[in-house]
Amino acid sequence: MKLATHLNTHIIRIYGGHVPETYTIDTIMPFLVENLQEIGDEAEEYDVYLGLETHDDWTDSAVCARLMAQVDHPRIRVIWDLHHPYRVKGESPEVTYVNLAPYTIGIHVKDSILNNKGEPTYVLLGEGDVPLKRMLDILIHGGYDSFATLE
C-alpha cells in the first residue's frame, strides 16, 4: 500500500481466490470479513481503496454484496469485472448492478463468446456476446464515474 501511495495510485485490485475444499462461502465468510476489515484499516492509513474483483469463487454478485455489507468498511470496495458474473453465473446486468452499484469502485471490460465446449473464448470488444453496451449504459445512467479497465 505504501508503494501505491508513492505511485499516486488510489485503488488496489485484490482477489478473494478460491474457497478451500474444507470450507464453503458461508464458513469462510467470517474470516474474509475480519481480514478485509483489518487491511481496510491499513488502506485508510495510506489513502488507498482495495477493490475485490468479481473473480474466482466471488463472481456471484449477491454473495459479494453480502460480503461488502458485512465488511462495512469505506476502504473495501468491489471491482466489477463485467464479464464474470454474466458469463460464469449467468446473471443479468441489471441484477449485478443492483447488487454491486453501492460498492463498485472500478470495472473491467472484456468480451467473449462460448466455444464448442461451452467455455468462454475472449474476443475483441464488440465481437462477443457479453452485453457490454447494456452494462455500460446501466452504469452511466446510475451515475458511475470511476475507472474502466479494458482487458
Protein backbone atom coordinates (compact mmCIF):
# COMPACT_ATOMS: atom_id res chain seq x y z
CA MET A 1 0.00 0.00 0.00
CA LYS A 2 2.92 2.26 0.64
CA LEU A 3 4.07 1.75 -2.96
CA ALA A 4 0.58 2.57 -4.26
CA THR A 5 0.64 5.84 -2.35
CA HIS A 6 4.13 6.60 -3.64
CA LEU A 7 2.90 5.99 -7.21
CA ASN A 8 -0.19 8.14 -6.58
CA THR A 9 -2.42 5.12 -7.17
CA HIS A 10 -5.51 5.04 -5.02
CA ILE A 11 -7.10 1.71 -5.96
CA ILE A 12 -5.52 -1.71 -5.48
CA ARG A 13 -7.20 -4.75 -7.00
CA ILE A 14 -7.48 -7.75 -4.68
CA TYR A 15 -8.85 -11.25 -5.14
CA GLY A 16 -10.87 -13.49 -2.87
CA GLY A 17 -9.46 -16.51 -4.70
CA HIS A 18 -10.92 -19.97 -4.41
CA VAL A 19 -12.68 -21.19 -1.29
CA PRO A 20 -10.57 -24.00 0.24
CA GLU A 21 -12.06 -27.50 -0.02
CA THR A 22 -12.81 -27.74 3.70
CA TYR A 23 -14.88 -24.51 3.62
CA THR A 24 -17.96 -23.10 1.96
CA ILE A 25 -18.74 -19.49 1.15
CA ASP A 26 -20.69 -19.28 4.40
CA THR A 27 -17.99 -20.82 6.59
CA ILE A 28 -15.13 -18.80 5.06
CA MET A 29 -17.06 -15.52 5.15
CA PRO A 30 -16.28 -14.59 8.80
CA PHE A 31 -12.54 -14.99 8.17
CA LEU A 32 -12.68 -12.96 4.99
CA VAL A 33 -14.73 -10.25 6.70
CA GLU A 34 -12.19 -9.98 9.52
CA ASN A 35 -9.23 -9.91 7.11
CA LEU A 36 -10.82 -7.30 4.86
CA GLN A 37 -11.67 -5.07 7.81
CA GLU A 38 -8.10 -5.32 9.04
CA ILE A 39 -6.49 -4.50 5.69
CA GLY A 40 -9.16 -1.82 5.18
CA ASP A 41 -7.86 -0.08 8.28
CA GLU A 42 -4.35 -0.20 6.86
CA ALA A 43 -5.60 1.05 3.48
CA GLU A 44 -7.09 4.04 5.26
CA GLU A 45 -3.68 4.95 6.65
CA TYR A 46 -2.32 5.08 3.08
CA ASP A 47 -5.38 6.73 1.50
CA VAL A 48 -6.00 3.81 -0.85
CA TYR A 49 -9.04 1.68 -1.62
CA LEU A 50 -8.98 -2.07 -2.02
CA GLY A 51 -11.22 -3.39 -4.78
CA LEU A 52 -12.26 -7.04 -4.52
CA GLU A 53 -12.64 -8.24 -8.10
CA THR A 54 -15.63 -10.35 -9.10
CA HIS A 55 -13.37 -13.27 -9.92
CA ASP A 56 -12.68 -16.88 -8.94
CA ASP A 57 -15.27 -18.00 -6.34
CA TRP A 58 -16.51 -14.44 -5.90
CA THR A 59 -18.45 -13.90 -9.13
CA ASP A 60 -21.93 -14.15 -7.59
CA SER A 61 -22.90 -10.51 -7.08
CA ALA A 62 -25.36 -11.31 -4.27
CA VAL A 63 -22.54 -13.03 -2.35
CA CYS A 64 -20.22 -10.07 -2.98
CA ALA A 65 -22.89 -7.64 -1.81
CA ARG A 66 -23.43 -9.70 1.34
CA LEU A 67 -19.67 -9.72 1.96
CA MET A 68 -19.41 -5.95 1.45
CA ALA A 69 -22.33 -5.34 3.81
CA GLN A 70 -20.67 -7.45 6.49
CA VAL A 71 -17.25 -5.87 5.97
CA ASP A 72 -18.86 -2.43 6.10
CA HIS A 73 -15.58 -0.58 5.58
CA PRO A 74 -15.26 2.57 3.45
CA ARG A 75 -11.90 1.43 2.02
CA ILE A 76 -13.12 -2.01 0.89
CA ARG A 77 -14.98 -1.85 -2.41
CA VAL A 78 -15.66 -4.01 -5.48
CA ILE A 79 -14.12 -4.08 -8.92
CA TRP A 80 -16.94 -5.37 -11.08
CA ASP A 81 -15.47 -7.45 -13.87
CA LEU A 82 -18.42 -7.10 -16.22
CA HIS A 83 -17.64 -10.44 -17.83
CA HIS A 84 -17.56 -12.82 -14.86
CA PRO A 85 -20.98 -12.51 -13.16
CA TYR A 86 -22.63 -12.58 -16.59
CA ARG A 87 -20.60 -15.40 -18.11
CA VAL A 88 -19.84 -17.54 -15.04
CA LYS A 89 -23.07 -17.09 -13.07
CA GLY A 90 -25.48 -16.16 -15.87
CA GLU A 91 -26.53 -13.01 -14.04
CA SER A 92 -28.36 -10.30 -15.88
CA PRO A 93 -26.55 -6.96 -15.88
CA GLU A 94 -29.50 -5.42 -14.04
CA VAL A 95 -29.23 -7.89 -11.14
CA THR A 96 -25.46 -7.45 -10.89
CA TYR A 97 -25.81 -3.68 -10.96
CA VAL A 98 -28.40 -3.63 -8.17
CA ASN A 99 -26.17 -5.82 -6.01
CA LEU A 100 -22.84 -4.13 -6.68
CA ALA A 101 -23.56 -0.48 -7.50
CA PRO A 102 -23.18 0.75 -3.92
CA TYR A 103 -19.72 -0.82 -3.68
CA THR A 104 -18.26 -0.52 -7.20
CA ILE A 105 -15.05 1.49 -7.44
CA GLY A 106 -13.82 0.18 -10.79
CA ILE A 107 -14.88 -2.01 -13.69
CA HIS A 108 -13.11 -4.40 -16.04
CA VAL A 109 -14.43 -4.61 -19.57
CA LYS A 110 -13.85 -7.60 -21.84
CA ASP A 111 -15.87 -9.64 -24.31
CA SER A 112 -16.17 -13.32 -25.14
CA ILE A 113 -18.08 -15.99 -26.97
CA LEU A 114 -18.65 -19.59 -25.94
CA ASN A 115 -16.60 -22.14 -27.86
CA ASN A 116 -17.91 -25.55 -28.93
CA LYS A 117 -17.14 -26.90 -25.44
CA GLY A 118 -19.24 -24.16 -23.83
CA GLU A 119 -16.16 -22.40 -22.47
CA PRO A 120 -15.58 -18.68 -22.89
CA THR A 121 -13.12 -17.56 -25.54
CA TYR A 122 -12.06 -13.94 -25.28
CA VAL A 123 -12.53 -11.80 -28.37
CA LEU A 124 -12.15 -8.12 -29.25
CA LEU A 125 -14.73 -5.79 -27.73
CA GLY A 126 -17.93 -5.91 -29.77
CA GLU A 127 -17.13 -9.27 -31.34
CA GLY A 128 -18.58 -11.29 -28.48
CA ASP A 129 -22.00 -11.67 -26.93
CA VAL A 130 -21.43 -10.15 -23.48
CA PRO A 131 -23.98 -7.29 -23.30
CA LEU A 132 -21.32 -4.64 -22.67
CA LYS A 133 -23.26 -1.71 -24.10
CA ARG A 134 -26.22 -2.53 -21.88
CA MET A 135 -23.92 -2.87 -18.87
CA LEU A 136 -22.16 0.42 -19.55
CA ASP A 137 -25.47 2.19 -20.15
CA ILE A 138 -26.75 0.92 -16.78
CA LEU A 139 -23.61 2.14 -15.05
CA ILE A 140 -23.62 5.55 -16.71
CA HIS A 141 -27.33 6.12 -16.09
CA GLY A 142 -26.75 5.07 -12.48
CA GLY A 143 -24.11 7.76 -12.06
CA TYR A 144 -20.95 5.60 -12.25
CA ASP A 145 -17.96 7.91 -12.76
CA SER A 146 -14.91 5.88 -11.82
CA PHE A 147 -12.37 3.83 -13.74
CA ALA A 148 -12.81 1.32 -16.56
CA THR A 149 -10.02 -1.06 -17.48
CA LEU A 150 -10.08 -2.80 -20.86
CA GLU A 151 -8.79 -6.35 -20.71
